[in-house]
Protein backbone atom coordinates (compact mmCIF):
# COMPACT_ATOMS: atom_id res chain seq x y z
CA MET A 1 8.57 1.39 68.86
CA ARG A 2 6.91 3.84 71.36
CA VAL A 3 3.52 4.69 69.95
CA LEU A 4 1.02 7.21 71.18
CA VAL A 5 -2.57 6.64 69.85
CA VAL A 6 -4.70 9.79 70.13
CA PHE A 7 -8.39 9.01 69.82
CA SER A 8 -11.24 11.57 69.40
CA HIS A 9 -14.81 10.40 69.35
CA PRO A 10 -17.48 11.06 72.04
CA CYS A 11 -19.26 7.72 71.68
CA PRO A 12 -17.64 4.51 73.00
CA GLU A 13 -19.97 2.37 70.84
CA SER A 14 -19.00 4.10 67.62
CA TYR A 15 -17.30 2.57 64.60
CA ASN A 16 -14.31 4.96 65.32
CA ALA A 17 -14.02 3.36 68.74
CA ALA A 18 -13.86 -0.09 67.04
CA ILE A 19 -11.11 1.33 64.68
CA CYS A 20 -9.19 2.57 67.75
CA LYS A 21 -9.46 -0.78 69.49
CA THR A 22 -8.26 -2.45 66.30
CA VAL A 23 -5.28 -0.17 66.04
CA VAL A 24 -4.25 -0.61 69.67
CA GLN A 25 -4.66 -4.33 69.72
CA LYS A 26 -2.62 -4.85 66.50
CA LEU A 27 0.16 -2.52 67.65
CA GLU A 28 0.43 -4.41 70.88
CA GLU A 29 0.45 -7.73 69.04
CA GLU A 30 3.32 -6.47 66.94
CA GLY A 31 5.32 -5.79 70.17
CA HIS A 32 5.07 -1.90 70.21
CA ASP A 33 4.90 0.05 73.46
CA VAL A 34 1.51 1.71 73.14
CA ARG A 35 -0.08 4.49 75.08
CA LEU A 36 -3.69 5.55 74.41
CA THR A 37 -5.08 9.05 74.88
CA ASP A 38 -8.80 8.98 74.60
CA LEU A 39 -9.55 12.68 74.74
CA TYR A 40 -13.37 12.36 75.53
CA ALA A 41 -12.96 9.54 78.07
CA LYS A 42 -10.23 11.52 79.99
CA GLY A 43 -12.31 14.73 79.85
CA PHE A 44 -9.74 16.74 78.00
CA ASN A 45 -10.72 20.40 77.96
CA PRO A 46 -10.08 21.74 74.40
CA VAL A 47 -10.78 25.29 75.25
CA MET A 48 -7.83 27.58 75.88
CA SER A 49 -8.57 29.87 78.75
CA GLN A 50 -7.68 33.59 78.81
CA ASP A 51 -4.84 33.08 81.26
CA GLU A 52 -3.52 30.14 79.26
CA ARG A 53 -3.45 32.24 76.10
CA ARG A 54 -1.82 35.13 77.87
CA GLY A 55 0.92 32.74 79.04
CA TYR A 56 1.19 30.84 75.79
CA HIS A 57 4.57 32.29 74.90
CA ALA A 58 6.15 31.95 78.37
CA PRO A 59 8.67 29.07 78.56
CA GLU A 60 7.91 26.45 81.22
CA ALA A 61 4.71 28.26 82.36
CA ASN A 62 2.94 27.33 79.19
CA THR A 63 3.57 23.64 79.91
CA LEU A 64 1.80 23.45 83.22
CA PRO A 65 -1.87 23.16 82.05
CA VAL A 66 -0.85 20.26 79.64
CA ALA A 67 2.10 18.67 81.36
CA ASP A 68 0.86 15.07 81.04
CA ASP A 69 -0.12 15.27 77.39
CA LEU A 70 3.09 17.09 76.59
CA ALA A 71 5.09 14.35 78.29
CA ASP A 72 3.31 11.71 76.09
CA ILE A 73 4.15 13.42 72.78
CA LYS A 74 7.79 13.76 73.94
CA TRP A 75 7.88 10.10 74.83
CA CYS A 76 6.62 8.68 71.67
CA GLU A 77 8.35 7.81 68.43
CA ALA A 78 5.10 7.37 66.48
CA LEU A 79 1.80 9.25 66.57
CA VAL A 80 -1.41 7.53 65.30
CA PHE A 81 -4.51 9.76 65.18
CA VAL A 82 -7.93 8.03 65.10
CA TYR A 83 -10.94 10.39 64.67
CA PRO A 84 -13.92 10.93 62.37
CA THR A 85 -13.52 13.76 59.84
CA TRP A 86 -16.26 16.29 60.45
CA TRP A 87 -16.62 19.28 58.23
CA PHE A 88 -13.43 18.10 56.37
CA ALA A 89 -11.26 18.40 59.46
CA GLN A 90 -10.65 17.06 63.02
CA PRO A 91 -13.41 17.22 65.71
CA ALA A 92 -13.11 20.40 67.88
CA MET A 93 -11.88 18.27 70.72
CA LEU A 94 -8.74 17.02 68.80
CA LYS A 95 -8.18 20.49 67.23
CA GLY A 96 -8.22 21.94 70.82
CA TRP A 97 -5.68 19.27 71.92
CA LEU A 98 -3.37 20.27 69.10
CA GLU A 99 -3.57 23.89 69.98
CA ARG A 100 -3.19 23.50 73.66
CA VAL A 101 -0.57 20.70 73.81
CA TRP A 102 1.87 21.63 70.94
CA VAL A 103 3.20 24.67 72.76
CA PRO A 104 6.16 26.87 71.73
CA HIS A 105 9.58 26.37 73.28
CA GLU A 106 8.74 22.72 73.82
CA THR A 107 7.60 21.45 70.44
CA PHE A 108 8.95 24.36 68.38
CA GLU A 109 10.87 27.50 68.65
CA MET A 110 9.01 30.75 67.68
CA PRO A 111 10.30 32.55 64.61
CA THR A 112 12.33 35.63 65.02
CA ASP A 113 13.55 38.40 62.72
CA THR A 114 16.55 36.32 61.75
CA HIS A 115 15.28 32.69 62.12
CA PRO A 116 12.21 30.83 60.91
CA MET A 117 10.17 28.65 63.22
CA ARG A 118 12.47 25.76 64.45
CA PRO A 119 10.98 22.23 65.09
CA LYS A 120 11.82 20.58 68.22
CA MET A 121 9.99 17.19 68.03
CA HIS A 122 12.70 15.14 66.34
CA ASN A 123 11.67 12.10 68.57
CA VAL A 124 8.64 11.64 66.22
CA THR A 125 9.57 9.53 63.20
CA HIS A 126 6.24 8.36 62.12
CA ILE A 127 2.72 10.01 61.99
CA ALA A 128 -0.46 8.12 60.84
CA ILE A 129 -4.05 9.24 60.48
CA VAL A 130 -6.90 6.68 60.56
CA THR A 131 -10.23 8.38 59.91
CA THR A 132 -13.77 8.16 58.46
CA CYS A 133 -15.20 10.75 56.06
CA GLY A 134 -18.83 11.25 55.30
CA ALA A 135 -17.92 12.80 51.95
CA SER A 136 -16.53 10.88 48.92
CA TRP A 137 -12.88 10.77 47.91
CA TRP A 138 -13.41 13.30 45.16
CA ILE A 139 -15.37 15.75 47.32
CA SER A 140 -12.78 15.51 49.98
CA LYS A 141 -10.03 16.30 47.38
CA LEU A 142 -12.02 19.20 45.97
CA ILE A 143 -12.34 20.81 49.42
CA GLY A 144 -8.67 20.28 49.97
CA GLU A 145 -8.74 17.93 53.04
CA PRO A 146 -7.76 20.64 55.58
CA GLY A 147 -7.69 18.08 58.45
CA ARG A 148 -5.17 15.97 56.57
CA LYS A 149 -2.98 18.91 56.02
CA ILE A 150 -3.08 20.20 59.62
CA ILE A 151 -1.38 16.96 60.77
CA LEU A 152 0.50 15.62 57.85
CA ARG A 153 2.02 18.94 57.03
CA GLY A 154 1.73 21.17 60.13
CA ILE A 155 2.51 18.60 62.88
CA LYS A 156 4.92 16.73 60.48
CA TYR A 157 6.90 19.95 60.18
CA LEU A 158 7.73 19.80 63.82
CA ALA A 159 8.85 16.08 63.68
CA LYS A 160 12.13 14.58 62.65
CA PRO A 161 13.13 15.41 59.01
CA GLY A 162 12.06 12.64 56.77
CA CYS A 163 9.23 11.61 59.11
CA LYS A 164 7.14 8.94 57.52
CA THR A 165 3.37 9.47 57.17
CA LEU A 166 0.29 7.33 56.47
CA TYR A 167 -3.29 8.49 55.73
CA LEU A 168 -6.19 5.92 55.83
CA ALA A 169 -9.71 7.02 55.28
CA HIS A 170 -13.03 5.21 54.96
CA TYR A 171 -14.83 7.56 52.58
CA LYS A 172 -18.71 7.83 52.14
CA MET A 173 -19.04 6.71 55.80
CA ASP A 174 -22.67 7.82 55.81
CA THR A 175 -23.59 5.19 53.25
CA SER A 176 -21.20 2.58 54.44
CA THR A 177 -22.08 -1.08 54.64
CA GLN A 178 -21.10 -3.78 57.13
CA SER A 179 -18.87 -5.21 54.39
CA SER A 180 -17.17 -1.88 53.70
CA ARG A 181 -16.59 -1.36 57.40
CA GLU A 182 -15.14 -4.85 57.88
CA GLN A 183 -12.88 -4.43 54.85
CA TYR A 184 -11.59 -1.09 56.20
CA LEU A 185 -10.79 -2.61 59.67
CA ALA A 186 -8.79 -5.36 57.90
CA LYS A 187 -6.94 -2.65 55.88
CA VAL A 188 -6.23 -0.68 59.04
CA LYS A 189 -4.72 -3.75 60.62
CA SER A 190 -2.44 -4.47 57.70
CA LYS A 191 -1.42 -0.95 56.77
CA VAL A 192 -0.69 0.37 60.25
CA ALA A 193 1.38 -2.65 61.24
CA SER A 194 3.43 -2.47 58.04
CA PHE A 195 3.79 1.34 58.31
CA LEU A 196 5.40 1.11 61.72
CA SER A 197 7.80 -1.61 60.73
CA ARG A 198 9.52 0.70 58.21
């Protein structure tokens, strides 16, 4: 399977970086064709400029600022997002990537008076999130997990009907232990590999 791993964390020595390395290595071991987009390492600019916003609805022109990233999401069959949950959602870097790359006319058709928004990313059949959360499970649920919903509801809507999803989170990350982190890495290896075999 063609898998795009999208990683968002500013520190290469972070636990999230270790998670990303684990994900990529396991997927490659399983024989998947993997591309890694490390948003901080590549210097992705999450800020939409005035000119870009003014041309956001213009077919073809709106693809020019993000052509390489757009090509990646059109190439893949599976998306795996690896990031820390900050303030119950994605880091601003990743949110900016979603806003700038998932442009109309390429990933979806804009709604009209007679038609709702129409998804165009039917190449995507699997979407996974692998994240860490400072909050506990029940606090995350109480707040509503907006970051989870943005991807597993919003982005999923643009994917192939019946797209399979997976959500893995290490909750209470701020009070995690060496043991809990090792257990989570083992869980990530097992769950991600089995998820993409379905």
